[in-house]
Amino acid sequence: MKLSDREQDGIVILEPKGKIMGGPDATLLNDKLHEIIEAGQKRVVIDLSQVNWMNSTGLGILISTLTTLRNNDGELKLANVTEKIQSLLVITKLAPVFDSFDTIDDAVKAFK
């Protein structure tokens, strides 16, 4: 997995690419999240449009990200959730846990 980030309207947009399956991916995302929180940012959107697969460890990373942000008075939104990942969220009954949006702009607007 590769991870890039940018800011839009004061909200951090994380853009992972590839597969989210744990190992170094978990460390990369976790370290980036802690960097964001330490910088005082508490509103994050994860754009999943370039993620072609996620396993249970990847789901754990998303849950951990959501929990860490909420514990620091922040919030997480998902954008561009692919059919495969949406299906995974539905099967695991996690779909209602996450705020999911069709576009990054929709997710950003939901913070306001």
PDB file of N, CA and C in Angstrom:
ATOM      1  N   MET A   1       0.837  -1.183   0.000  1.00  0.00           N
ATOM      2  CA  MET A   1       0.000   0.000   0.000  1.00  0.00           C
ATOM      3  C   MET A   1       0.879   1.242   0.000  1.00  0.00           C
ATOM      4  N   LYS A   2       0.462   2.223  -0.758  1.00  0.00           N
ATOM      5  CA  LYS A   2       1.092   3.540  -0.737  1.00  0.00           C
ATOM      6  C   LYS A   2       0.085   4.483  -0.101  1.00  0.00           C
ATOM      7  N   LEU A   3       0.583   5.506   0.574  1.00  0.00           N
ATOM      8  CA  LEU A   3      -0.308   6.439   1.261  1.00  0.00           C
ATOM      9  C   LEU A   3       0.126   7.865   0.971  1.00  0.00           C
ATOM     10  N   SER A   4      -0.794   8.644   0.427  1.00  0.00           N
ATOM     11  CA  SER A   4      -0.524  10.064   0.263  1.00  0.00           C
ATOM     12  C   SER A   4      -1.582  10.830   1.051  1.00  0.00           C
ATOM     13  N   ASP A   5      -1.272  12.075   1.339  1.00  0.00           N
ATOM     14  CA  ASP A   5      -2.244  12.886   2.071  1.00  0.00           C
ATOM     15  C   ASP A   5      -2.201  14.307   1.554  1.00  0.00           C
ATOM     16  N   ARG A   6      -3.305  14.986   1.742  1.00  0.00           N
ATOM     17  CA  ARG A   6      -3.422  16.393   1.373  1.00  0.00           C
ATOM     18  C   ARG A   6      -4.481  17.016   2.260  1.00  0.00           C
ATOM     19  N   GLU A   7      -4.622  18.313   2.159  1.00  0.00           N
ATOM     20  CA  GLU A   7      -5.614  18.996   2.971  1.00  0.00           C
ATOM     21  C   GLU A   7      -6.614  19.704   2.068  1.00  0.00           C
ATOM     22  N   GLN A   8      -7.870  19.661   2.468  1.00  0.00           N
ATOM     23  CA  GLN A   8      -8.932  20.356   1.731  1.00  0.00           C
ATOM     24  C   GLN A   8      -9.864  20.975   2.751  1.00  0.00           C
ATOM     25  N   ASP A   9      -9.995  22.285   2.727  1.00  0.00           N
ATOM     26  CA  ASP A   9     -10.862  23.013   3.662  1.00  0.00           C
ATOM     27  C   ASP A   9     -10.562  22.662   5.122  1.00  0.00           C
ATOM     28  N   GLY A  10      -9.281  22.507   5.454  1.00  0.00           N
ATOM     29  CA  GLY A  10      -8.894  22.210   6.829  1.00  0.00           C
ATOM     30  C   GLY A  10      -9.108  20.769   7.248  1.00  0.00           C
ATOM     31  N   ILE A  11      -9.437  19.916   6.285  1.00  0.00           N
ATOM     32  CA  ILE A  11      -9.681  18.500   6.563  1.00  0.00           C
ATOM     33  C   ILE A  11      -8.593  17.685   5.869  1.00  0.00           C
ATOM     34  N   VAL A  12      -8.039  16.712   6.577  1.00  0.00           N
ATOM     35  CA  VAL A  12      -6.988  15.875   6.007  1.00  0.00           C
ATOM     36  C   VAL A  12      -7.626  14.782   5.162  1.00  0.00           C
ATOM     37  N   ILE A  13      -7.151  14.651   3.920  1.00  0.00           N
ATOM     38  CA  ILE A  13      -7.613  13.596   3.022  1.00  0.00           C
ATOM     39  C   ILE A  13      -6.479  12.583   2.905  1.00  0.00           C
ATOM     40  N   LEU A  14      -6.722  11.363   3.370  1.00  0.00           N
ATOM     41  CA  LEU A  14      -5.746  10.285   3.224  1.00  0.00           C
ATOM     42  C   LEU A  14      -6.135   9.467   1.999  1.00  0.00           C
ATOM     43  N   GLU A  15      -5.147   9.171   1.154  1.00  0.00           N
ATOM     44  CA  GLU A  15      -5.416   8.457  -0.090  1.00  0.00           C
ATOM     45  C   GLU A  15      -4.530   7.216  -0.194  1.00  0.00           C
ATOM     46  N   PRO A  16      -4.969   6.115   0.419  1.00  0.00           N
ATOM     47  CA  PRO A  16      -4.202   4.872   0.276  1.00  0.00           C
ATOM     48  C   PRO A  16      -4.406   4.282  -1.119  1.00  0.00           C
ATOM     49  N   LYS A  17      -3.380   3.594  -1.617  1.00  0.00           N
ATOM     50  CA  LYS A  17      -3.469   2.944  -2.935  1.00  0.00           C
ATOM     51  C   LYS A  17      -2.954   1.526  -2.805  1.00  0.00           C
ATOM     52  N   GLY A  18      -3.683   0.576  -3.386  1.00  0.00           N
ATOM     53  CA  GLY A  18      -3.260  -0.817  -3.347  1.00  0.00           C
ATOM     54  C   GLY A  18      -4.124  -1.633  -2.405  1.00  0.00           C
ATOM     55  N   LYS A  19      -3.476  -2.506  -1.649  1.00  0.00           N
ATOM     56  CA  LYS A  19      -4.187  -3.388  -0.717  1.00  0.00           C
ATOM     57  C   LYS A  19      -3.891  -2.966   0.715  1.00  0.00           C
ATOM     58  N   ILE A  20      -4.935  -2.986   1.550  1.00  0.00           N
ATOM     59  CA  ILE A  20      -4.744  -2.706   2.975  1.00  0.00           C
ATOM     60  C   ILE A  20      -4.884  -4.038   3.697  1.00  0.00           C
ATOM     61  N   MET A  21      -3.736  -4.593   4.087  1.00  0.00           N
ATOM     62  CA  MET A  21      -3.760  -5.952   4.630  1.00  0.00           C
ATOM     63  C   MET A  21      -2.882  -6.136   5.861  1.00  0.00           C
ATOM     64  N   GLY A  22      -2.569  -5.073   6.558  1.00  0.00           N
ATOM     65  CA  GLY A  22      -1.787  -5.217   7.780  1.00  0.00           C
ATOM     66  C   GLY A  22      -0.303  -5.136   7.544  1.00  0.00           C
ATOM     67  N   GLY A  23       0.477  -5.609   8.492  1.00  0.00           N
ATOM     68  CA  GLY A  23       1.928  -5.543   8.400  1.00  0.00           C
ATOM     69  C   GLY A  23       2.393  -4.101   8.322  1.00  0.00           C
ATOM     70  N   PRO A  24       3.290  -3.793   7.377  1.00  0.00           N
ATOM     71  CA  PRO A  24       3.791  -2.428   7.239  1.00  0.00           C
ATOM     72  C   PRO A  24       2.677  -1.422   6.927  1.00  0.00           C
ATOM     73  N   ASP A  25       1.595  -1.891   6.264  1.00  0.00           N
ATOM     74  CA  ASP A  25       0.477  -1.003   5.955  1.00  0.00           C
ATOM     75  C   ASP A  25      -0.137  -0.452   7.231  1.00  0.00           C
ATOM     76  N   ALA A  26      -0.317  -1.309   8.216  1.00  0.00           N
ATOM     77  CA  ALA A  26      -0.914  -0.901   9.484  1.00  0.00           C
ATOM     78  C   ALA A  26      -0.034   0.145  10.155  1.00  0.00           C
ATOM     79  N   THR A  27       1.255  -0.087  10.146  1.00  0.00           N
ATOM     80  CA  THR A  27       2.196   0.842  10.771  1.00  0.00           C
ATOM     81  C   THR A  27       2.181   2.183  10.048  1.00  0.00           C
ATOM     82  N   LEU A  28       2.183   2.144   8.712  1.00  0.00           N
ATOM     83  CA  LEU A  28       2.185   3.363   7.908  1.00  0.00           C
ATOM     84  C   LEU A  28       0.957   4.217   8.209  1.00  0.00           C
ATOM     85  N   LEU A  29      -0.213   3.610   8.176  1.00  0.00           N
ATOM     86  CA  LEU A  29      -1.454   4.344   8.413  1.00  0.00           C
ATOM     87  C   LEU A  29      -1.525   4.835   9.858  1.00  0.00           C
ATOM     88  N   ASN A  30      -1.141   3.996  10.800  1.00  0.00           N
ATOM     89  CA  ASN A  30      -1.169   4.356  12.211  1.00  0.00           C
ATOM     90  C   ASN A  30      -0.218   5.521  12.498  1.00  0.00           C
ATOM     91  N   ASP A  31       1.003   5.447  11.965  1.00  0.00           N
ATOM     92  CA  ASP A  31       1.971   6.528  12.176  1.00  0.00           C
ATOM     93  C   ASP A  31       1.470   7.836  11.584  1.00  0.00           C
ATOM     94  N   LYS A  32       0.895   7.771  10.388  1.00  0.00           N
ATOM     95  CA  LYS A  32       0.371   8.967   9.731  1.00  0.00           C
ATOM     96  C   LYS A  32      -0.771   9.559  10.545  1.00  0.00           C
ATOM     97  N   LEU A  33      -1.633   8.713  11.063  1.00  0.00           N
ATOM     98  CA  LEU A  33      -2.758   9.176  11.867  1.00  0.00           C
ATOM     99  C   LEU A  33      -2.265   9.908  13.122  1.00  0.00           C
ATOM    100  N   HIS A  34      -1.278   9.343  13.794  1.00  0.00           N
ATOM    101  CA  HIS A  34      -0.753   9.983  15.003  1.00  0.00           C
ATOM    102  C   HIS A  34      -0.070  11.311  14.671  1.00  0.00           C
ATOM    103  N   GLU A  35       0.592  11.385  13.520  1.00  0.00           N
ATOM    104  CA  GLU A  35       1.176  12.640  13.043  1.00  0.00           C
ATOM    105  C   GLU A  35       0.082  13.696  12.879  1.00  0.00           C
ATOM    106  N   ILE A  36      -1.021  13.293  12.264  1.00  0.00           N
ATOM    107  CA  ILE A  36      -2.141  14.199  12.001  1.00  0.00           C
ATOM    108  C   ILE A  36      -2.719  14.717  13.317  1.00  0.00           C
ATOM    109  N   ILE A  37      -2.963  13.822  14.264  1.00  0.00           N
ATOM    110  CA  ILE A  37      -3.545  14.207  15.550  1.00  0.00           C
ATOM    111  C   ILE A  37      -2.592  15.123  16.325  1.00  0.00           C
ATOM    112  N   GLU A  38      -1.303  14.767  16.317  1.00  0.00           N
ATOM    113  CA  GLU A  38      -0.318  15.599  17.019  1.00  0.00           C
ATOM    114  C   GLU A  38      -0.220  16.987  16.405  1.00  0.00           C
ATOM    115  N   ALA A  39      -0.516  17.103  15.113  1.00  0.00           N
ATOM    116  CA  ALA A  39      -0.505  18.405  14.435  1.00  0.00           C
ATOM    117  C   ALA A  39      -1.792  19.187  14.705  1.00  0.00           C
ATOM    118  N   GLY A  40      -2.705  18.607  15.491  1.00  0.00           N
ATOM    119  CA  GLY A  40      -3.938  19.295  15.844  1.00  0.00           C
ATOM    120  C   GLY A  40      -5.087  19.076  14.883  1.00  0.00           C
ATOM    121  N   GLN A  41      -4.887  18.218  13.894  1.00  0.00           N
ATOM    122  CA  GLN A  41      -5.955  17.912  12.944  1.00  0.00           C
ATOM    123  C   GLN A  41      -6.816  16.798  13.521  1.00  0.00           C
ATOM    124  N   LYS A  42      -8.129  16.961  13.431  1.00  0.00           N
ATOM    125  CA  LYS A  42      -9.011  15.943  13.995  1.00  0.00           C
ATOM    126  C   LYS A  42     -10.101  15.510  13.029  1.00  0.00           C
ATOM    127  N   ARG A  43     -10.083  16.058  11.833  1.00  0.00           N
ATOM    128  CA  ARG A  43     -11.092  15.689  10.837  1.00  0.00           C
ATOM    129  C   ARG A  43     -10.374  15.047   9.658  1.00  0.00           C
ATOM    130  N   VAL A  44     -10.728  13.785   9.392  1.00  0.00           N
ATOM    131  CA  VAL A  44     -10.016  13.001   8.385  1.00  0.00           C
ATOM    132  C   VAL A  44     -11.012  12.307   7.459  1.00  0.00           C
ATOM    133  N   VAL A  45     -10.682  12.325   6.162  1.00  0.00           N
ATOM    134  CA  VAL A  45     -11.417  11.558   5.159  1.00  0.00           C
ATOM    135  C   VAL A  45     -10.433  10.553   4.574  1.00  0.00           C
ATOM    136  N   ILE A  46     -10.840   9.297   4.497  1.00  0.00           N
ATOM    137  CA  ILE A  46     -10.031   8.301   3.798  1.00  0.00           C
ATOM    138  C   ILE A  46     -10.711   8.006   2.473  1.00  0.00           C
ATOM    139  N   ASP A  47      -9.983   8.302   1.390  1.00  0.00           N
ATOM    140  CA  ASP A  47     -10.478   8.053   0.033  1.00  0.00           C
ATOM    141  C   ASP A  47     -10.088   6.623  -0.346  1.00  0.00           C
ATOM    142  N   LEU A  48     -11.085   5.765  -0.493  1.00  0.00           N
ATOM    143  CA  LEU A  48     -10.823   4.345  -0.770  1.00  0.00           C
ATOM    144  C   LEU A  48     -10.900   3.994  -2.257  1.00  0.00           C
ATOM    145  N   SER A  49     -10.952   4.985  -3.122  1.00  0.00           N
ATOM    146  CA  SER A  49     -11.133   4.719  -4.558  1.00  0.00           C
ATOM    147  C   SER A  49      -9.993   3.905  -5.170  1.00  0.00           C
ATOM    148  N   GLN A  50      -8.782   4.010  -4.618  1.00  0.00           N
ATOM    149  CA  GLN A  50      -7.633   3.304  -5.182  1.00  0.00           C
ATOM    150  C   GLN A  50      -7.256   2.054  -4.378  1.00  0.00           C
ATOM    151  N   VAL A  51      -8.107   1.675  -3.429  1.00  0.00           N
ATOM    152  CA  VAL A  51      -7.848   0.464  -2.638  1.00  0.00           C
ATOM    153  C   VAL A  51      -8.582  -0.686  -3.311  1.00  0.00           C
ATOM    154  N   ASN A  52      -7.804  -1.659  -3.824  1.00  0.00           N
ATOM    155  CA  ASN A  52      -8.449  -2.742  -4.561  1.00  0.00           C
ATOM    156  C   ASN A  52      -8.753  -3.962  -3.698  1.00  0.00           C
ATOM    157  N   TRP A  53      -8.226  -4.010  -2.493  1.00  0.00           N
ATOM    158  CA  TRP A  53      -8.593  -5.105  -1.599  1.00  0.00           C
ATOM    159  C   TRP A  53      -8.241  -4.754  -0.170  1.00  0.00           C
ATOM    160  N   MET A  54      -9.015  -5.320   0.749  1.00  0.00           N
ATOM    161  CA  MET A  54      -8.788  -5.126   2.171  1.00  0.00           C
ATOM    162  C   MET A  54      -9.191  -6.416   2.871  1.00  0.00           C
ATOM    163  N   ASN A  55      -8.360  -6.885   3.792  1.00  0.00           N
ATOM    164  CA  ASN A  55      -8.723  -8.080   4.554  1.00  0.00           C
ATOM    165  C   ASN A  55      -9.173  -7.658   5.954  1.00  0.00           C
ATOM    166  N   SER A  56      -9.327  -8.622   6.842  1.00  0.00           N
ATOM    167  CA  SER A  56      -9.806  -8.315   8.187  1.00  0.00           C
ATOM    168  C   SER A  56      -8.837  -7.398   8.933  1.00  0.00           C
ATOM    169  N   THR A  57      -7.552  -7.530   8.656  1.00  0.00           N
ATOM    170  CA  THR A  57      -6.578  -6.641   9.284  1.00  0.00           C
ATOM    171  C   THR A  57      -6.796  -5.214   8.797  1.00  0.00           C
ATOM    172  N   GLY A  58      -7.091  -5.066   7.510  1.00  0.00           N
ATOM    173  CA  GLY A  58      -7.390  -3.750   6.952  1.00  0.00           C
ATOM    174  C   GLY A  58      -8.621  -3.133   7.604  1.00  0.00           C
ATOM    175  N   LEU A  59      -9.640  -3.950   7.818  1.00  0.00           N
ATOM    176  CA  LEU A  59     -10.834  -3.463   8.523  1.00  0.00           C
ATOM    177  C   LEU A  59     -10.472  -3.026   9.938  1.00  0.00           C
ATOM    178  N   GLY A  60      -9.612  -3.804  10.577  1.00  0.00           N
ATOM    179  CA  GLY A  60      -9.150  -3.453  11.925  1.00  0.00           C
ATOM    180  C   GLY A  60      -8.436  -2.108  11.932  1.00  0.00           C
ATOM    181  N   ILE A  61      -7.663  -1.841  10.873  1.00  0.00           N
ATOM    182  CA  ILE A  61      -6.966  -0.563  10.760  1.00  0.00           C
ATOM    183  C   ILE A  61      -7.977   0.582  10.666  1.00  0.00           C
ATOM    184  N   LEU A  62      -9.042   0.389   9.878  1.00  0.00           N
ATOM    185  CA  LEU A  62     -10.080   1.428   9.761  1.00  0.00           C
ATOM    186  C   LEU A  62     -10.774   1.651  11.100  1.00  0.00           C
ATOM    187  N   ILE A  63     -11.097   0.572  11.792  1.00  0.00           N
ATOM    188  CA  ILE A  63     -11.765   0.688  13.097  1.00  0.00           C
ATOM    189  C   ILE A  63     -10.845   1.381  14.097  1.00  0.00           C
ATOM    190  N   SER A  64      -9.582   1.009  14.093  1.00  0.00           N
ATOM    191  CA  SER A  64      -8.604   1.629  14.981  1.00  0.00           C
ATOM    192  C   SER A  64      -8.474   3.126  14.684  1.00  0.00           C
ATOM    193  N   THR A  65      -8.459   3.479  13.396  1.00  0.00           N
ATOM    194  CA  THR A  65      -8.370   4.883  12.994  1.00  0.00           C
ATOM    195  C   THR A  65      -9.577   5.652  13.503  1.00  0.00           C
ATOM    196  N   LEU A  66     -10.763   5.090  13.306  1.00  0.00           N
ATOM    197  CA  LEU A  66     -12.001   5.717  13.771  1.00  0.00           C
ATOM    198  C   LEU A  66     -11.969   5.902  15.284  1.00  0.00           C
ATOM    199  N   THR A  67     -11.586   4.864  16.013  1.00  0.00           N
ATOM    200  CA  THR A  67     -11.547   4.914  17.478  1.00  0.00           C
ATOM    201  C   THR A  67     -10.536   5.939  17.976  1.00  0.00           C
ATOM    202  N   THR A  68      -9.347   5.930  17.381  1.00  0.00           N
ATOM    203  CA  THR A  68      -8.302   6.876  17.798  1.00  0.00           C
ATOM    204  C   THR A  68      -8.757   8.314  17.577  1.00  0.00           C
ATOM    205  N   LEU A  69      -9.360   8.577  16.417  1.00  0.00           N
ATOM    206  CA  LEU A  69      -9.843   9.930  16.153  1.00  0.00           C
ATOM    207  C   LEU A  69     -10.948  10.321  17.129  1.00  0.00           C
ATOM    208  N   ARG A  70     -11.908   9.447  17.348  1.00  0.00           N
ATOM    209  CA  ARG A  70     -13.008   9.771  18.269  1.00  0.00           C
ATOM    210  C   ARG A  70     -12.507   9.982  19.692  1.00  0.00           C
ATOM    211  N   ASN A  71     -11.514   9.206  20.106  1.00  0.00           N
ATOM    212  CA  ASN A  71     -10.949   9.375  21.446  1.00  0.00           C
ATOM    213  C   ASN A  71     -10.193  10.696  21.587  1.00  0.00           C
ATOM    214  N   ASN A  72      -9.861  11.311  20.461  1.00  0.00           N
ATOM    215  CA  ASN A  72      -9.176  12.602  20.458  1.00  0.00           C
ATOM    216  C   ASN A  72     -10.090  13.713  19.950  1.00  0.00           C
ATOM    217  N   ASP A  73     -11.403  13.524  20.153  1.00  0.00           N
ATOM    218  CA  ASP A  73     -12.427  14.494  19.737  1.00  0.00           C
ATOM    219  C   ASP A  73     -12.410  14.771  18.237  1.00  0.00           C
ATOM    220  N   GLY A  74     -12.075  13.749  17.461  1.00  0.00           N
ATOM    221  CA  GLY A  74     -12.051  13.890  16.016  1.00  0.00           C
ATOM    222  C   GLY A  74     -13.113  13.032  15.359  1.00  0.00           C
ATOM    223  N   GLU A  75     -13.072  13.009  14.037  1.00  0.00           N
ATOM    224  CA  GLU A  75     -14.051  12.224  13.292  1.00  0.00           C
ATOM    225  C   GLU A  75     -13.434  11.735  11.983  1.00  0.00           C
ATOM    226  N   LEU A  76     -13.922  10.586  11.540  1.00  0.00           N
ATOM    227  CA  LEU A  76     -13.463   9.956  10.305  1.00  0.00           C
ATOM    228  C   LEU A  76     -14.639   9.755   9.365  1.00  0.00           C
ATOM    229  N   LYS A  77     -14.418  10.067   8.097  1.00  0.00           N
ATOM    230  CA  LYS A  77     -15.408   9.786   7.048  1.00  0.00           C
ATOM    231  C   LYS A  77     -14.698   8.990   5.949  1.00  0.00           C
ATOM    232  N   LEU A  78     -15.439   8.108   5.299  1.00  0.00           N
ATOM    233  CA  LEU A  78     -14.909   7.347   4.170  1.00  0.00           C
ATOM    234  C   LEU A  78     -15.500   7.906   2.886  1.00  0.00           C
ATOM    235  N   ALA A  79     -14.684   7.938   1.835  1.00  0.00           N
ATOM    236  CA  ALA A  79     -15.158   8.429   0.537  1.00  0.00           C
ATOM    237  C   ALA A  79     -14.793   7.429  -0.552  1.00  0.00           C
ATOM    238  N   ASN A  80     -15.607   7.404  -1.586  1.00  0.00           N
ATOM    239  CA  ASN A  80     -15.338   6.566  -2.764  1.00  0.00           C
ATOM    240  C   ASN A  80     -15.136   5.096  -2.398  1.00  0.00           C
ATOM    241  N   VAL A  81     -16.000   4.580  -1.550  1.00  0.00           N
ATOM    242  CA  VAL A  81     -15.890   3.182  -1.133  1.00  0.00           C
ATOM    243  C   VAL A  81     -16.234   2.295  -2.326  1.00  0.00           C
ATOM    244  N   THR A  82     -15.310   1.415  -2.690  1.00  0.00           N
ATOM    245  CA  THR A  82     -15.532   0.548  -3.848  1.00  0.00           C
ATOM    246  C   THR A  82     -16.568  -0.528  -3.509  1.00  0.00           C
ATOM    247  N   GLU A  83     -17.105  -1.167  -4.550  1.00  0.00           N
ATOM    248  CA  GLU A  83     -18.100  -2.226  -4.325  1.00  0.00           C
ATOM    249  C   GLU A  83     -17.548  -3.350  -3.452  1.00  0.00           C
ATOM    250  N   LYS A  84     -16.300  -3.762  -3.722  1.00  0.00           N
ATOM    251  CA  LYS A  84     -15.693  -4.845  -2.944  1.00  0.00           C
ATOM    252  C   LYS A  84     -15.607  -4.486  -1.469  1.00  0.00           C
ATOM    253  N   ILE A  85     -15.170  -3.276  -1.187  1.00  0.00           N
ATOM    254  CA  ILE A  85     -15.006  -2.873   0.213  1.00  0.00           C
ATOM    255  C   ILE A  85     -16.366  -2.636   0.867  1.00  0.00           C
ATOM    256  N   GLN A  86     -17.303  -2.055   0.127  1.00  0.00           N
ATOM    257  CA  GLN A  86     -18.654  -1.882   0.673  1.00  0.00           C
ATOM    258  C   GLN A  86     -19.259  -3.232   1.026  1.00  0.00           C
ATOM    259  N   SER A  87     -19.070  -4.211   0.157  1.00  0.00           N
ATOM    260  CA  SER A  87     -19.564  -5.556   0.402  1.00  0.00           C
ATOM    261  C   SER A  87     -18.941  -6.125   1.679  1.00  0.00           C
ATOM    262  N   LEU A  88     -17.654  -5.918   1.853  1.00  0.00           N
ATOM    263  CA  LEU A  88     -16.955  -6.369   3.051  1.00  0.00           C
ATOM    264  C   LEU A  88     -17.523  -5.686   4.301  1.00  0.00           C
ATOM    265  N   LEU A  89     -17.798  -4.389   4.210  1.00  0.00           N
ATOM    266  CA  LEU A  89     -18.370  -3.661   5.343  1.00  0.00           C
ATOM    267  C   LEU A  89     -19.768  -4.176   5.683  1.00  0.00           C
ATOM    268  N   VAL A  90     -20.546  -4.501   4.662  1.00  0.00           N
ATOM    269  CA  VAL A  90     -21.905  -5.017   4.884  1.00  0.00           C
ATOM    270  C   VAL A  90     -21.850  -6.403   5.517  1.00  0.00           C
ATOM    271  N   ILE A  91     -21.022  -7.286   4.956  1.00  0.00           N
ATOM    272  CA  ILE A  91     -20.914  -8.663   5.466  1.00  0.00           C
ATOM    273  C   ILE A  91     -20.480  -8.684   6.930  1.00  0.00           C
ATOM    274  N   THR A  92     -19.561  -7.791   7.274  1.00  0.00           N
ATOM    275  CA  THR A  92     -19.044  -7.753   8.653  1.00  0.00           C
ATOM    276  C   THR A  92     -19.900  -6.885   9.576  1.00  0.00           C
ATOM    277  N   LYS A  93     -20.990  -6.356   9.025  1.00  0.00           N
ATOM    278  CA  LYS A  93     -21.917  -5.503   9.766  1.00  0.00           C
ATOM    279  C   LYS A  93     -21.265  -4.215  10.272  1.00  0.00           C
ATOM    280  N   LEU A  94     -20.231  -3.766   9.560  1.00  0.00           N
ATOM    281  CA  LEU A  94     -19.547  -2.529   9.928  1.00  0.00           C
ATOM    282  C   LEU A  94     -20.016  -1.322   9.115  1.00  0.00           C
ATOM    283  N   ALA A  95     -20.835  -1.555   8.094  1.00  0.00           N
ATOM    284  CA  ALA A  95     -21.288  -0.450   7.236  1.00  0.00           C
ATOM    285  C   ALA A  95     -21.911   0.695   8.042  1.00  0.00           C
ATOM    286  N   PRO A  96     -22.778   0.405   9.038  1.00  0.00           N
ATOM    287  CA  PRO A  96     -23.375   1.530   9.781  1.00  0.00           C
ATOM    288  C   PRO A  96     -22.405   2.240  10.738  1.00  0.00           C
ATOM    289  N   VAL A  97     -21.262   1.634  11.000  1.00  0.00           N
ATOM    290  CA  VAL A  97     -20.291   2.219  11.929  1.00  0.00           C
ATOM    291  C   VAL A  97     -19.585   3.415  11.286  1.00  0.00           C
ATOM    292  N   PHE A  98     -19.403   3.362   9.969  1.00  0.00           N
ATOM    293  CA  PHE A  98     -18.672   4.392   9.244  1.00  0.00           C
ATOM    294  C   PHE A  98     -19.607   5.314   8.479  1.00  0.00           C
ATOM    295  N   ASP A  99     -19.268   6.593   8.452  1.00  0.00           N
ATOM    296  CA  ASP A  99     -19.959   7.540   7.583  1.00  0.00           C
ATOM    297  C   ASP A  99     -19.291   7.444   6.222  1.00  0.00           C
ATOM    298  N   SER A 100     -20.027   6.963   5.217  1.00  0.00           N
ATOM    299  CA  SER A 100     -19.473   6.774   3.872  1.00  0.00           C
ATOM    300  C   SER A 100     -20.147   7.719   2.890  1.00  0.00           C
ATOM    301  N   PHE A 101     -19.343   8.258   1.970  1.00  0.00           N
ATOM    302  CA  PHE A 101     -19.837   9.210   0.991  1.00  0.00           C
ATOM    303  C   PHE A 101     -19.331   8.835  -0.396  1.00  0.00           C
ATOM    304  N   ASP A 102     -20.094   9.259  -1.425  1.00  0.00           N
ATOM    305  CA  ASP A 102     -19.753   8.916  -2.804  1.00  0.00           C
ATOM    306  C   ASP A 102     -18.521   9.663  -3.303  1.00  0.00           C
ATOM    307  N   THR A 103     -18.292  10.868  -2.782  1.00  0.00           N
ATOM    308  CA  THR A 103     -17.154  11.670  -3.232  1.00  0.00           C
ATOM    309  C   THR A 103     -16.421  12.280  -2.042  1.00  0.00           C
ATOM    310  N   ILE A 104     -15.198  12.711  -2.290  1.00  0.00           N
ATOM    311  CA  ILE A 104     -14.425  13.408  -1.255  1.00  0.00           C
ATOM    312  C   ILE A 104     -15.136  14.707  -0.883  1.00  0.00           C
ATOM    313  N   ASP A 105     -15.631  15.441  -1.883  1.00  0.00           N
ATOM    314  CA  ASP A 105     -16.321  16.697  -1.599  1.00  0.00           C
ATOM    315  C   ASP A 105     -17.522  16.504  -0.693  1.00  0.00           C
ATOM    316  N   ASP A 106     -18.296  15.433  -0.936  1.00  0.00           N
ATOM    317  CA  ASP A 106     -19.457  15.145  -0.081  1.00  0.00           C
ATOM    318  C   ASP A 106     -19.008  14.855   1.346  1.00  0.00           C
ATOM    319  N   ALA A 107     -17.916  14.108   1.498  1.00  0.00           N
ATOM    320  CA  ALA A 107     -17.405  13.786   2.829  1.00  0.00           C
ATOM    321  C   ALA A 107     -16.916  15.049   3.542  1.00  0.00           C
ATOM    322  N   VAL A 108     -16.229  15.907   2.814  1.00  0.00           N
ATOM    323  CA  VAL A 108     -15.727  17.162   3.394  1.00  0.00           C
ATOM    324  C   VAL A 108     -16.889  18.042   3.836  1.00  0.00           C
ATOM    325  N   LYS A 109     -17.914  18.146   2.996  1.00  0.00           N
ATOM    326  CA  LYS A 109     -19.095  18.971   3.322  1.00  0.00           C
ATOM    327  C   LYS A 109     -19.807  18.447   4.561  1.00  0.00           C
ATOM    328  N   ALA A 110     -19.747  17.139   4.800  1.00  0.00           N
ATOM    329  CA  ALA A 110     -20.449  16.536   5.945  1.00  0.00           C
ATOM    330  C   ALA A 110     -19.863  16.985   7.276  1.00  0.00           C
ATOM    331  N   PHE A 111     -18.648  17.520   7.277  1.00  0.00           N
ATOM    332  CA  PHE A 111     -18.048  18.012   8.515  1.00  0.00           C
ATOM    333  C   PHE A 111     -18.611  19.362   8.926  1.00  0.00           C
ATOM    334  N   LYS A 112     -19.223  20.076   7.988  1.00  0.00           N
ATOM    335  CA  LYS A 112     -19.649  21.455   8.259  1.00  0.00           C
ATOM    336  C   LYS A 112     -21.035  21.533   8.824  1.00  0.00           C
TER     337      LYS A 112
END
